[in-house]
């Protein structure tokens, strides 16, 4: 039930007013965005006008940088939220419906 409730909470949109609703708004205000270092190349290529920060230490580094106010926005997927629920709640973060990056994956259908 907890996982289902969390998933329902994370998928609600428009319930809380946020400063940014689109990447254009983030970029126009030159707001710093914390991203995961593993995605730095892709994110800088896709959103070259954005003010990116890629703290070391992965997600922990991102949350720490946000807590120190080094960035105003976190680029984190909902799938990562389950591992970091405490930090998300502690920092009073919310998810938006903005898609900033996709990683396509494929699985072989035949062993050849």
Foldseek 3Di string as FASTA:
>chain_A
DVVVVVVVQQPDAPPDDDQDQEVVSQLVVLFEEEEAPVCVVVLCVQCVSHRYDHAPPGPVRRLVCVVVVVGDYYDDDPVCCVVVVPSCVVSVHGDHPYDRDDDDDDDDPDPD
